């Protein structure tokens, strides 16, 4: 018996029963080879892994697409089934996103029974598709919206959407438009996350800081503004920046600053800011969460000092603007 090697190379050693029988492999052979101890494995109904070792995350993701694709269609075309939601975002390297069960779009009105590993989602709004690591997927902006549509935890929604934008996979305005099209902005937790991204917030720590600052009478800062020197040289991009006062808030998480090189890079960035007359308050996410009054007091003191200091900052926030939210939300 000859296995369909070109097919297996394209599909990461995976094949459906329809593909195997179309290649001339009898049903009885498929059954015998997928018995316990056999050379093949049944990953999902009608989907087989033609190897003895365990599947990796790419094979599990593609298996979900093979399961959901119409039997006679090319499953890699993205025409009848496509990965979306957390599973698609995980392929892009988005951290801490739950990728099982895998969400897979199928064309409405087709209905498909789900499994513990696969959640089919029928849609009449078929997306533009891309291929990620050999697997047909929705674009990141649609994957993020589909993730938000099925997620219930506001913190997880906030974190995942921020990671997608921070990683550069989509613009906050495009994500806002996708969420609006999907009618997800009627949900308060999704609307709040989208509003933060439009304002320039790019992480959960920054979102917490923004919540803290919003509850005070301090001026509204720019978030993640790109600061340049007078000759146009890039200086830094502090988490929050008050351009009129020349004050910056830097949120330094131990997760990203625990190595010697990372810590030195943080100190050098602070020196660059201070050498151009910018006053810096540094805080960790836990400080903002547990002792917000101390952080606010430090900011208030520096924002007040700037009214009388003799040397104003020489840096400028170039090309930065607070993006406006389209209305209505729904």
C-alpha atoms as a PDB file:
ATOM      1  CA  UNK A   1       0.000   0.000   0.000  1.00  0.00           C
ATOM      2  CA  UNK A   2       1.273   3.451  -0.916  1.00  0.00           C
ATOM      3  CA  UNK A   3       0.276   6.378   1.286  1.00  0.00           C
ATOM      4  CA  UNK A   4      -0.434   9.735  -0.425  1.00  0.00           C
ATOM      5  CA  UNK A   5       2.929  11.314   0.390  1.00  0.00           C
ATOM      6  CA  UNK A   6       2.384  14.674  -1.424  1.00  0.00           C
ATOM      7  CA  UNK A   7      -0.898  15.061   0.467  1.00  0.00           C
ATOM      8  CA  UNK A   8       0.769  14.311   3.784  1.00  0.00           C
ATOM      9  CA  UNK A   9       3.533  16.832   3.128  1.00  0.00           C
ATOM     10  CA  UNK A  10       0.941  19.531   2.477  1.00  0.00           C
ATOM     11  CA  UNK A  11      -1.142  18.562   5.497  1.00  0.00           C
ATOM     12  CA  UNK A  12       1.487  17.967   8.188  1.00  0.00           C
ATOM     13  CA  UNK A  13       1.017  14.153   8.141  1.00  0.00           C
ATOM     14  CA  UNK A  14      -2.744  14.543   8.469  1.00  0.00           C
ATOM     15  CA  UNK A  15      -5.499  13.198   6.246  1.00  0.00           C
ATOM     16  CA  UNK A  16      -9.249  12.738   6.319  1.00  0.00           C
ATOM     17  CA  UNK A  17     -10.961   9.417   5.720  1.00  0.00           C
ATOM     18  CA  UNK A  18     -12.356  10.817   2.473  1.00  0.00           C
ATOM     19  CA  UNK A  19      -8.854  11.684   1.262  1.00  0.00           C
ATOM     20  CA  UNK A  20      -7.441   8.304   2.238  1.00  0.00           C
ATOM     21  CA  UNK A  21     -10.168   6.296   0.524  1.00  0.00           C
ATOM     22  CA  UNK A  22      -9.934   8.551  -2.548  1.00  0.00           C
ATOM     23  CA  UNK A  23      -6.231   7.621  -2.653  1.00  0.00           C
ATOM     24  CA  UNK A  24      -7.148   3.931  -2.837  1.00  0.00           C
ATOM     25  CA  UNK A  25      -6.714   2.967   0.814  1.00  0.00           C
ATOM     26  CA  UNK A  26      -9.492   0.567   1.911  1.00  0.00           C
ATOM     27  CA  UNK A  27     -11.644   1.364   4.930  1.00  0.00           C
ATOM     28  CA  UNK A  28     -10.472  -1.829   6.622  1.00  0.00           C
ATOM     29  CA  UNK A  29      -6.842  -0.746   6.346  1.00  0.00           C
ATOM     30  CA  UNK A  30      -7.632   2.622   7.910  1.00  0.00           C
ATOM     31  CA  UNK A  31      -9.433   0.906  10.781  1.00  0.00           C
ATOM     32  CA  UNK A  32      -6.645  -1.600  11.431  1.00  0.00           C
ATOM     33  CA  UNK A  33      -3.884   0.996  11.325  1.00  0.00           C
ATOM     34  CA  UNK A  34      -5.649   3.248  13.854  1.00  0.00           C
ATOM     35  CA  UNK A  35      -6.162   0.538  16.467  1.00  0.00           C
ATOM     36  CA  UNK A  36      -4.293   0.953  19.778  1.00  0.00           C
ATOM     37  CA  UNK A  37      -0.612   0.446  19.122  1.00  0.00           C
ATOM     38  CA  UNK A  38      -1.028   0.977  15.392  1.00  0.00           C
ATOM     39  CA  UNK A  39       1.067   3.344  13.252  1.00  0.00           C
ATOM     40  CA  UNK A  40      -1.740   5.877  12.776  1.00  0.00           C
ATOM     41  CA  UNK A  41      -3.865   7.891  15.214  1.00  0.00           C
ATOM     42  CA  UNK A  42      -7.451   9.088  15.047  1.00  0.00           C
ATOM     43  CA  UNK A  43      -7.356  12.698  16.267  1.00  0.00           C
ATOM     44  CA  UNK A  44     -10.941  13.631  15.448  1.00  0.00           C
ATOM     45  CA  UNK A  45     -13.871  11.916  13.761  1.00  0.00           C
ATOM     46  CA  UNK A  46     -12.697  11.124  10.199  1.00  0.00           C
ATOM     47  CA  UNK A  47      -9.322  12.865  10.760  1.00  0.00           C
ATOM     48  CA  UNK A  48      -6.123  10.845  11.146  1.00  0.00           C
ATOM     49  CA  UNK A  49      -2.505  11.520  12.022  1.00  0.00           C
ATOM     50  CA  UNK A  50      -0.253   9.190  10.037  1.00  0.00           C
ATOM     51  CA  UNK A  51       2.571   8.981  12.536  1.00  0.00           C
ATOM     52  CA  UNK A  52       3.227   7.338  15.890  1.00  0.00           C
ATOM     53  CA  UNK A  53       4.422  10.405  17.822  1.00  0.00           C
ATOM     54  CA  UNK A  54       2.066  12.862  19.512  1.00  0.00           C
ATOM     55  CA  UNK A  55       0.693  15.768  17.451  1.00  0.00           C
ATOM     56  CA  UNK A  56       2.114  19.250  17.913  1.00  0.00           C
ATOM     57  CA  UNK A  57       0.021  22.411  18.202  1.00  0.00           C
ATOM     58  CA  UNK A  58       0.087  23.023  14.434  1.00  0.00           C
ATOM     59  CA  UNK A  59      -1.190  19.535  13.693  1.00  0.00           C
ATOM     60  CA  UNK A  60      -3.977  19.891  16.235  1.00  0.00           C
ATOM     61  CA  UNK A  61      -5.004  23.222  14.701  1.00  0.00           C
ATOM     62  CA  UNK A  62      -4.986  21.834  11.158  1.00  0.00           C
ATOM     63  CA  UNK A  63      -6.887  18.733  12.302  1.00  0.00           C
ATOM     64  CA  UNK A  64      -9.707  21.036  13.429  1.00  0.00           C
ATOM     65  CA  UNK A  65      -9.849  22.593   9.948  1.00  0.00           C
ATOM     66  CA  UNK A  66      -9.794  19.161   8.261  1.00  0.00           C
ATOM     67  CA  UNK A  67     -12.659  18.047  10.481  1.00  0.00           C
ATOM     68  CA  UNK A  68     -14.766  21.091   9.603  1.00  0.00           C
ATOM     69  CA  UNK A  69     -13.995  21.347   5.864  1.00  0.00           C
ATOM     70  CA  UNK A  70     -16.434  19.872   3.368  1.00  0.00           C
ATOM     71  CA  UNK A  71     -15.209  16.364   2.492  1.00  0.00           C
ATOM     72  CA  UNK A  72     -14.782  16.928  -1.241  1.00  0.00           C
ATOM     73  CA  UNK A  73     -13.170  20.384  -0.892  1.00  0.00           C
ATOM     74  CA  UNK A  74      -9.493  21.223  -0.583  1.00  0.00           C
ATOM     75  CA  UNK A  75      -9.258  21.884   3.189  1.00  0.00           C
ATOM     76  CA  UNK A  76      -6.242  24.169   2.730  1.00  0.00           C
ATOM     77  CA  UNK A  77      -8.121  26.533   0.408  1.00  0.00           C
ATOM     78  CA  UNK A  78      -9.919  28.335   3.243  1.00  0.00           C
ATOM     79  CA  UNK A  79     -13.156  28.155   1.260  1.00  0.00           C
ATOM     80  CA  UNK A  80     -15.247  25.864   3.476  1.00  0.00           C
ATOM     81  CA  UNK A  81     -13.464  25.941   6.845  1.00  0.00           C
ATOM     82  CA  UNK A  82     -10.987  28.346   8.404  1.00  0.00           C
ATOM     83  CA  UNK A  83      -9.382  28.661  11.831  1.00  0.00           C
ATOM     84  CA  UNK A  84     -10.328  31.686  13.914  1.00  0.00           C
ATOM     85  CA  UNK A  85     -10.513  32.898  17.513  1.00  0.00           C
ATOM     86  CA  UNK A  86      -7.959  31.877  20.111  1.00  0.00           C
ATOM     87  CA  UNK A  87      -6.526  29.013  18.049  1.00  0.00           C
ATOM     88  CA  UNK A  88      -5.707  31.372  15.165  1.00  0.00           C
ATOM     89  CA  UNK A  89      -4.243  33.975  17.520  1.00  0.00           C
ATOM     90  CA  UNK A  90      -2.075  31.334  19.208  1.00  0.00           C
ATOM     91  CA  UNK A  91      -0.547  30.484  15.817  1.00  0.00           C
ATOM     92  CA  UNK A  92       0.454  34.148  15.518  1.00  0.00           C
ATOM     93  CA  UNK A  93       2.260  33.979  18.858  1.00  0.00           C
ATOM     94  CA  UNK A  94      -0.275  35.866  20.980  1.00  0.00           C
ATOM     95  CA  UNK A  95       0.604  35.013  24.574  1.00  0.00           C
ATOM     96  CA  UNK A  96      -1.682  33.341  27.107  1.00  0.00           C
ATOM     97  CA  UNK A  97      -4.615  32.990  24.725  1.00  0.00           C
ATOM     98  CA  UNK A  98      -6.687  29.819  25.199  1.00  0.00           C
ATOM     99  CA  UNK A  99      -6.495  27.872  21.928  1.00  0.00           C
ATOM    100  CA  UNK A 100      -8.625  24.839  22.755  1.00  0.00           C
ATOM    101  CA  UNK A 101     -11.256  24.053  21.791  1.00  0.00           C
ATOM    102  CA  UNK A 102     -10.342  25.395  18.362  1.00  0.00           C
ATOM    103  CA  UNK A 103     -12.880  27.768  16.816  1.00  0.00           C
ATOM    104  CA  UNK A 104     -13.444  27.049  13.123  1.00  0.00           C
ATOM    105  CA  UNK A 105     -15.695  29.047  10.801  1.00  0.00           C
ATOM    106  CA  UNK A 106     -17.958  27.207   8.361  1.00  0.00           C
ATOM    107  CA  UNK A 107     -20.254  28.791   5.806  1.00  0.00           C
ATOM    108  CA  UNK A 108     -23.866  29.284   6.919  1.00  0.00           C
ATOM    109  CA  UNK A 109     -26.367  27.697   6.684  1.00  0.00           C
ATOM    110  CA  UNK A 110     -24.151  24.614   7.000  1.00  0.00           C
ATOM    111  CA  UNK A 111     -24.202  23.134  10.488  1.00  0.00           C
ATOM    112  CA  UNK A 112     -21.568  20.861  11.957  1.00  0.00           C
ATOM    113  CA  UNK A 113     -21.528  18.955  15.229  1.00  0.00           C
ATOM    114  CA  UNK A 114     -18.818  20.154  17.569  1.00  0.00           C
ATOM    115  CA  UNK A 115     -16.417  18.037  19.601  1.00  0.00           C
ATOM    116  CA  UNK A 116     -14.493  18.726  22.822  1.00  0.00           C
ATOM    117  CA  UNK A 117     -11.583  19.834  20.600  1.00  0.00           C
ATOM    118  CA  UNK A 118     -13.475  21.770  17.877  1.00  0.00           C
ATOM    119  CA  UNK A 119     -16.161  24.471  18.050  1.00  0.00           C
ATOM    120  CA  UNK A 120     -17.660  25.076  14.598  1.00  0.00           C
ATOM    121  CA  UNK A 121     -19.141  28.553  14.077  1.00  0.00           C
ATOM    122  CA  UNK A 122     -21.479  29.037  11.134  1.00  0.00           C
ATOM    123  CA  UNK A 123     -21.218  32.490   9.560  1.00  0.00           C
ATOM    124  CA  UNK A 124     -22.809  34.294   6.642  1.00  0.00           C
ATOM    125  CA  UNK A 125     -19.998  36.874   6.755  1.00  0.00           C
ATOM    126  CA  UNK A 126     -17.161  34.855   5.241  1.00  0.00           C
ATOM    127  CA  UNK A 127     -13.802  36.516   5.933  1.00  0.00           C
ATOM    128  CA  UNK A 128     -10.705  37.156   3.898  1.00  0.00           C
ATOM    129  CA  UNK A 129      -8.291  34.375   4.795  1.00  0.00           C
ATOM    130  CA  UNK A 130      -4.559  33.950   5.180  1.00  0.00           C
ATOM    131  CA  UNK A 131      -2.274  30.971   5.730  1.00  0.00           C
ATOM    132  CA  UNK A 132      -0.367  30.821   9.023  1.00  0.00           C
ATOM    133  CA  UNK A 133       2.186  28.009   9.390  1.00  0.00           C
ATOM    134  CA  UNK A 134       0.407  26.115   6.626  1.00  0.00           C
ATOM    135  CA  UNK A 135      -3.034  26.453   8.213  1.00  0.00           C
ATOM    136  CA  UNK A 136      -5.903  28.467   6.679  1.00  0.00           C
ATOM    137  CA  UNK A 137      -6.887  31.148   9.169  1.00  0.00           C
ATOM    138  CA  UNK A 138      -8.835  34.353   9.387  1.00  0.00           C
ATOM    139  CA  UNK A 139      -6.934  37.621   9.456  1.00  0.00           C
ATOM    140  CA  UNK A 140      -5.867  38.670  12.981  1.00  0.00           C
ATOM    141  CA  UNK A 141      -8.529  41.378  13.217  1.00  0.00           C
ATOM    142  CA  UNK A 142     -11.336  38.860  12.561  1.00  0.00           C
ATOM    143  CA  UNK A 143      -9.731  36.227  14.798  1.00  0.00           C
ATOM    144  CA  UNK A 144      -9.598  38.779  17.640  1.00  0.00           C
ATOM    145  CA  UNK A 145     -13.270  39.706  17.160  1.00  0.00           C
ATOM    146  CA  UNK A 146     -14.336  36.051  17.029  1.00  0.00           C
ATOM    147  CA  UNK A 147     -12.339  35.422  20.200  1.00  0.00           C
ATOM    148  CA  UNK A 148     -14.110  38.310  21.947  1.00  0.00           C
ATOM    149  CA  UNK A 149     -17.505  37.017  20.792  1.00  0.00           C
ATOM    150  CA  UNK A 150     -17.022  33.738  22.673  1.00  0.00           C
ATOM    151  CA  UNK A 151     -14.955  34.881  25.663  1.00  0.00           C
ATOM    152  CA  UNK A 152     -16.708  35.639  28.938  1.00  0.00           C
ATOM    153  CA  UNK A 153     -13.837  36.907  31.117  1.00  0.00           C
ATOM    154  CA  UNK A 154     -13.486  40.716  30.783  1.00  0.00           C
ATOM    155  CA  UNK A 155      -9.816  40.584  31.846  1.00  0.00           C
ATOM    156  CA  UNK A 156      -9.018  37.949  29.223  1.00  0.00           C
ATOM    157  CA  UNK A 157     -10.805  39.953  26.521  1.00  0.00           C
ATOM    158  CA  UNK A 158      -8.959  43.112  27.542  1.00  0.00           C
ATOM    159  CA  UNK A 159      -5.587  41.353  27.606  1.00  0.00           C
ATOM    160  CA  UNK A 160      -5.964  39.457  24.329  1.00  0.00           C
ATOM    161  CA  UNK A 161      -7.188  42.416  22.287  1.00  0.00           C
ATOM    162  CA  UNK A 162      -4.345  44.527  23.680  1.00  0.00           C
ATOM    163  CA  UNK A 163      -1.774  41.863  22.771  1.00  0.00           C
ATOM    164  CA  UNK A 164      -3.080  41.646  19.188  1.00  0.00           C
ATOM    165  CA  UNK A 165      -2.744  45.405  18.690  1.00  0.00           C
ATOM    166  CA  UNK A 166       0.549  45.680  20.597  1.00  0.00           C
ATOM    167  CA  UNK A 167       2.074  42.934  18.440  1.00  0.00           C
ATOM    168  CA  UNK A 168       1.186  44.966  15.345  1.00  0.00           C
ATOM    169  CA  UNK A 169      -1.260  42.466  13.864  1.00  0.00           C
ATOM    170  CA  UNK A 170      -3.973  45.090  13.390  1.00  0.00           C
ATOM    171  CA  UNK A 171      -4.689  48.788  13.915  1.00  0.00           C
ATOM    172  CA  UNK A 172      -7.020  49.705  16.790  1.00  0.00           C
ATOM    173  CA  UNK A 173      -9.372  51.502  14.423  1.00  0.00           C
ATOM    174  CA  UNK A 174      -9.651  48.400  12.219  1.00  0.00           C
ATOM    175  CA  UNK A 175     -10.316  46.238  15.267  1.00  0.00           C
ATOM    176  CA  UNK A 176     -12.950  48.682  16.479  1.00  0.00           C
ATOM    177  CA  UNK A 177     -14.637  48.561  13.074  1.00  0.00           C
ATOM    178  CA  UNK A 178     -14.607  44.743  13.092  1.00  0.00           C
ATOM    179  CA  UNK A 179     -16.085  44.627  16.591  1.00  0.00           C
ATOM    180  CA  UNK A 180     -18.778  47.089  15.527  1.00  0.00           C
ATOM    181  CA  UNK A 181     -19.616  45.056  12.417  1.00  0.00           C
ATOM    182  CA  UNK A 182     -19.923  41.947  14.571  1.00  0.00           C
ATOM    183  CA  UNK A 183     -22.239  43.888  16.945  1.00  0.00           C
ATOM    184  CA  UNK A 184     -19.951  43.205  19.865  1.00  0.00           C
ATOM    185  CA  UNK A 185     -19.643  46.804  21.062  1.00  0.00           C
ATOM    186  CA  UNK A 186     -23.002  46.448  22.794  1.00  0.00           C
ATOM    187  CA  UNK A 187     -21.162  44.362  25.393  1.00  0.00           C
ATOM    188  CA  UNK A 188     -19.658  46.705  28.017  1.00  0.00           C
ATOM    189  CA  UNK A 189     -16.450  44.698  28.489  1.00  0.00           C
ATOM    190  CA  UNK A 190     -15.716  44.638  24.757  1.00  0.00           C
ATOM    191  CA  UNK A 191     -16.577  48.326  24.345  1.00  0.00           C
ATOM    192  CA  UNK A 192     -14.270  49.235  27.245  1.00  0.00           C
ATOM    193  CA  UNK A 193     -11.375  47.229  25.763  1.00  0.00           C
ATOM    194  CA  UNK A 194     -11.875  48.836  22.348  1.00  0.00           C
ATOM    195  CA  UNK A 195     -11.985  52.321  23.880  1.00  0.00           C
ATOM    196  CA  UNK A 196      -8.675  51.733  25.664  1.00  0.00           C
ATOM    197  CA  UNK A 197      -6.987  50.674  22.439  1.00  0.00           C
ATOM    198  CA  UNK A 198      -8.333  53.700  20.583  1.00  0.00           C
ATOM    199  CA  UNK A 199      -6.879  55.899  23.365  1.00  0.00           C
ATOM    200  CA  UNK A 200      -3.448  54.344  22.834  1.00  0.00           C
ATOM    201  CA  UNK A 201      -3.360  51.778  25.652  1.00  0.00           C
ATOM    202  CA  UNK A 202      -1.467  48.644  24.635  1.00  0.00           C
ATOM    203  CA  UNK A 203      -1.371  46.369  27.700  1.00  0.00           C
ATOM    204  CA  UNK A 204      -3.318  45.300  30.767  1.00  0.00           C
ATOM    205  CA  UNK A 205      -0.878  47.222  32.980  1.00  0.00           C
ATOM    206  CA  UNK A 206      -1.504  50.392  30.984  1.00  0.00           C
ATOM    207  CA  UNK A 207      -5.250  49.771  31.096  1.00  0.00           C
ATOM    208  CA  UNK A 208      -5.078  49.545  34.883  1.00  0.00           C
ATOM    209  CA  UNK A 209      -3.066  52.764  35.000  1.00  0.00           C
ATOM    210  CA  UNK A 210      -5.598  54.465  32.743  1.00  0.00           C
ATOM    211  CA  UNK A 211      -8.458  53.378  35.031  1.00  0.00           C
ATOM    212  CA  UNK A 212      -6.533  54.750  38.007  1.00  0.00           C
ATOM    213  CA  UNK A 213      -5.776  58.087  36.343  1.00  0.00           C
ATOM    214  CA  UNK A 214      -9.313  58.509  35.013  1.00  0.00           C
ATOM    215  CA  UNK A 215     -10.604  58.442  38.582  1.00  0.00           C
ATOM    216  CA  UNK A 216      -8.468  61.498  39.479  1.00  0.00           C
ATOM    217  CA  UNK A 217      -8.435  65.154  38.480  1.00  0.00           C
ATOM    218  CA  UNK A 218      -5.028  64.836  36.770  1.00  0.00           C
ATOM    219  CA  UNK A 219      -4.773  65.947  33.137  1.00  0.00           C
ATOM    220  CA  UNK A 220      -5.330  63.260  30.506  1.00  0.00           C
ATOM    221  CA  UNK A 221      -2.005  61.962  29.141  1.00  0.00           C
ATOM    222  CA  UNK A 222      -1.055  60.614  25.734  1.00  0.00           C
ATOM    223  CA  UNK A 223      -0.567  56.862  25.742  1.00  0.00           C
ATOM    224  CA  UNK A 224       2.466  55.380  23.975  1.00  0.00           C
ATOM    225  CA  UNK A 225       3.341  58.662  22.285  1.00  0.00           C
ATOM    226  CA  UNK A 226       6.552  58.516  20.233  1.00  0.00           C
ATOM    227  CA  UNK A 227       8.877  61.259  21.462  1.00  0.00           C
ATOM    228  CA  UNK A 228      11.534  62.809  19.228  1.00  0.00           C
ATOM    229  CA  UNK A 229      14.306  65.317  19.770  1.00  0.00           C
ATOM    230  CA  UNK A 230      14.341  68.679  18.002  1.00  0.00           C
ATOM    231  CA  UNK A 231      16.340  67.215  15.084  1.00  0.00           C
ATOM    232  CA  UNK A 232      13.841  64.384  14.601  1.00  0.00           C
ATOM    233  CA  UNK A 233      15.778  61.617  16.363  1.00  0.00           C
ATOM    234  CA  UNK A 234      13.548  59.082  18.103  1.00  0.00           C
ATOM    235  CA  UNK A 235      13.907  59.338  21.866  1.00  0.00           C
ATOM    236  CA  UNK A 236      11.487  56.944  23.570  1.00  0.00           C
ATOM    237  CA  UNK A 237       7.840  55.971  23.804  1.00  0.00           C
ATOM    238  CA  UNK A 238       6.747  56.218  27.454  1.00  0.00           C
ATOM    239  CA  UNK A 239       3.598  54.445  28.545  1.00  0.00           C
ATOM    240  CA  UNK A 240       1.905  57.739  29.484  1.00  0.00           C
ATOM    241  CA  UNK A 241       3.087  61.254  28.669  1.00  0.00           C
ATOM    242  CA  UNK A 242       1.861  64.721  29.585  1.00  0.00           C
ATOM    243  CA  UNK A 243       3.231  66.904  26.747  1.00  0.00           C
ATOM    244  CA  UNK A 244       2.411  70.272  28.274  1.00  0.00           C
ATOM    245  CA  UNK A 245       4.161  69.432  31.545  1.00  0.00           C
ATOM    246  CA  UNK A 246       6.915  67.163  30.186  1.00  0.00           C
ATOM    247  CA  UNK A 247       6.110  64.331  32.616  1.00  0.00           C
ATOM    248  CA  UNK A 248       6.184  60.628  31.768  1.00  0.00           C
ATOM    249  CA  UNK A 249       4.882  57.515  33.507  1.00  0.00           C
ATOM    250  CA  UNK A 250       6.844  54.327  32.859  1.00  0.00           C
ATOM    251  CA  UNK A 251       5.243  51.030  33.905  1.00  0.00           C
ATOM    252  CA  UNK A 252       8.113  48.586  34.384  1.00  0.00           C
ATOM    253  CA  UNK A 253       6.926  45.015  34.711  1.00  0.00           C
ATOM    254  CA  UNK A 254       9.337  42.493  36.213  1.00  0.00           C
ATOM    255  CA  UNK A 255       8.241  40.058  33.490  1.00  0.00           C
ATOM    256  CA  UNK A 256      10.082  42.134  30.892  1.00  0.00           C
ATOM    257  CA  UNK A 257      12.874  43.585  33.030  1.00  0.00           C
ATOM    258  CA  UNK A 258      14.256  40.637  34.974  1.00  0.00           C
ATOM    259  CA  UNK A 259      17.450  40.227  32.937  1.00  0.00           C
ATOM    260  CA  UNK A 260      20.499  42.420  33.368  1.00  0.00           C
ATOM    261  CA  UNK A 261      20.357  43.654  29.759  1.00  0.00           C
ATOM    262  CA  UNK A 262      16.644  44.478  29.971  1.00  0.00           C
ATOM    263  CA  UNK A 263      17.135  46.390  33.205  1.00  0.00           C
ATOM    264  CA  UNK A 264      20.029  48.364  31.722  1.00  0.00           C
ATOM    265  CA  UNK A 265      17.916  49.171  28.661  1.00  0.00           C
ATOM    266  CA  UNK A 266      15.194  50.493  30.970  1.00  0.00           C
ATOM    267  CA  UNK A 267      17.671  52.709  32.818  1.00  0.00           C
ATOM    268  CA  UNK A 268      19.150  54.015  29.568  1.00  0.00           C
ATOM    269  CA  UNK A 269      15.682  54.912  28.294  1.00  0.00           C
ATOM    270  CA  UNK A 270      14.989  56.822  31.512  1.00  0.00           C
ATOM    271  CA  UNK A 271      18.322  58.664  31.209  1.00  0.00           C
ATOM    272  CA  UNK A 272      17.477  59.682  27.634  1.00  0.00           C
ATOM    273  CA  UNK A 273      14.153  61.077  28.775  1.00  0.00           C
ATOM    274  CA  UNK A 274      15.618  62.937  31.731  1.00  0.00           C
ATOM    275  CA  UNK A 275      18.486  64.333  29.640  1.00  0.00           C
ATOM    276  CA  UNK A 276      15.842  66.144  27.577  1.00  0.00           C
ATOM    277  CA  UNK A 277      14.110  67.662  30.589  1.00  0.00           C
ATOM    278  CA  UNK A 278      11.374  65.049  30.984  1.00  0.00           C
ATOM    279  CA  UNK A 279      10.461  64.101  34.542  1.00  0.00           C
ATOM    280  CA  UNK A 280       9.795  60.373  34.945  1.00  0.00           C
ATOM    281  CA  UNK A 281       7.700  58.427  37.445  1.00  0.00           C
ATOM    282  CA  UNK A 282       8.448  54.683  37.366  1.00  0.00           C
ATOM    283  CA  UNK A 283       6.040  52.138  38.807  1.00  0.00           C
ATOM    284  CA  UNK A 284       5.308  48.442  38.532  1.00  0.00           C
ATOM    285  CA  UNK A 285       1.839  47.094  37.713  1.00  0.00           C
ATOM    286  CA  UNK A 286       1.539  45.859  41.317  1.00  0.00           C
ATOM    287  CA  UNK A 287       2.272  49.372  42.633  1.00  0.00           C
ATOM    288  CA  UNK A 288      -0.495  50.798  40.481  1.00  0.00           C
ATOM    289  CA  UNK A 289      -2.837  48.044  41.626  1.00  0.00           C
ATOM    290  CA  UNK A 290      -1.946  47.932  45.345  1.00  0.00           C
ATOM    291  CA  UNK A 291      -0.700  51.452  46.183  1.00  0.00           C
ATOM    292  CA  UNK A 292      -2.251  53.726  43.545  1.00  0.00           C
ATOM    293  CA  UNK A 293      -2.331  56.734  45.883  1.00  0.00           C
ATOM    294  CA  UNK A 294       1.474  56.765  46.063  1.00  0.00           C
ATOM    295  CA  UNK A 295       1.784  56.694  42.266  1.00  0.00           C
ATOM    296  CA  UNK A 296      -0.810  59.447  41.887  1.00  0.00           C
ATOM    297  CA  UNK A 297       0.922  61.560  44.548  1.00  0.00           C
ATOM    298  CA  UNK A 298       4.258  61.286  42.720  1.00  0.00           C
ATOM    299  CA  UNK A 299       2.665  62.252  39.417  1.00  0.00           C
ATOM    300  CA  UNK A 300       0.780  65.136  40.994  1.00  0.00           C
ATOM    301  CA  UNK A 301       4.009  66.495  42.526  1.00  0.00           C
ATOM    302  CA  UNK A 302       5.906  66.393  39.216  1.00  0.00           C
ATOM    303  CA  UNK A 303       3.006  67.838  37.231  1.00  0.00           C
ATOM    304  CA  UNK A 304       2.920  70.723  39.717  1.00  0.00           C
ATOM    305  CA  UNK A 305       6.693  71.253  39.662  1.00  0.00           C
ATOM    306  CA  UNK A 306       6.715  71.769  35.917  1.00  0.00           C
ATOM    307  CA  UNK A 307       4.951  75.124  36.210  1.00  0.00           C
ATOM    308  CA  UNK A 308       8.027  76.749  37.721  1.00  0.00           C
ATOM    309  CA  UNK A 309      11.014  74.744  36.497  1.00  0.00           C
ATOM    310  CA  UNK A 310      13.474  76.779  34.422  1.00  0.00           C
ATOM    311  CA  UNK A 311      14.297  74.118  31.822  1.00  0.00           C
ATOM    312  CA  UNK A 312      11.308  72.891  29.810  1.00  0.00           C
ATOM    313  CA  UNK A 313      11.524  69.564  27.971  1.00  0.00           C
ATOM    314  CA  UNK A 314      13.149  69.630  24.541  1.00  0.00           C
ATOM    315  CA  UNK A 315      11.368  66.496  23.257  1.00  0.00           C
ATOM    316  CA  UNK A 316       8.172  66.549  21.212  1.00  0.00           C
ATOM    317  CA  UNK A 317       5.454  63.962  20.647  1.00  0.00           C
ATOM    318  CA  UNK A 318       5.537  63.891  16.868  1.00  0.00           C
ATOM    319  CA  UNK A 319       2.747  62.466  14.760  1.00  0.00           C
ATOM    320  CA  UNK A 320       0.781  61.281  17.785  1.00  0.00           C
ATOM    321  CA  UNK A 321      -2.906  61.887  18.149  1.00  0.00           C
ATOM    322  CA  UNK A 322      -5.644  60.447  20.277  1.00  0.00           C
ATOM    323  CA  UNK A 323      -7.777  58.426  17.885  1.00  0.00           C
ATOM    324  CA  UNK A 324     -11.457  59.305  17.992  1.00  0.00           C
ATOM    325  CA  UNK A 325     -14.112  56.661  18.485  1.00  0.00           C
ATOM    326  CA  UNK A 326     -16.681  56.323  15.711  1.00  0.00           C
ATOM    327  CA  UNK A 327     -20.236  56.649  16.973  1.00  0.00           C
ATOM    328  CA  UNK A 328     -22.547  54.987  17.617  1.00  0.00           C
ATOM    329  CA  UNK A 329     -20.847  52.058  19.342  1.00  0.00           C
ATOM    330  CA  UNK A 330     -23.396  49.512  18.187  1.00  0.00           C
END
